[in-house]
């Protein structure tokens, strides 16, 4: 058994356990809880599909790229909503959060539409660089959301959000 398959299977099991705990234990989750459950469910799907791809002799990079974008978008949505709820209605940070959410949404939509239109492997060097730049943009949006969450949390409550920041 190879290490990739083992790692992704363990990841799928761990995310499935987390999803089960959230579904069983959370009575009235509210919007943030629902988005968290959605992000964990997408992570279960991501882990299972990557494990399935590792078990096959041929990889489909376009398929894997779309799954990565969906997973990043789900977690970005959770962090965005968490930050949105933490800021007040008159807070200047809401404008920045709206801009980051819009930019991340456009990047994710453009990446998915590109692979839906042409799912073949990208051999064109500039286009491949543009796709990787879009993926990097999503990762940077995630980091900005985590950074904003940590900065907007009081120093006494930072230990309560450490798992979100480390995860």
Foldseek 3Di string as FASTA:
>chain_A
DDPQLVVLVVQLVVLVVVLVCLVPPPDCQPPLSVLVSVLSVLSNVLSVVSSVQVVDPDHQVLVNLLSLLVNLLSLLVSLLVVLVVLDDPPDPVVVVSVVLNVLSVVLSVVSVVVCVVPVHDDPDVVVVVVNVVSVVSSVVSSVVSLVSVQVSDDPVCNVVCVVVNVD
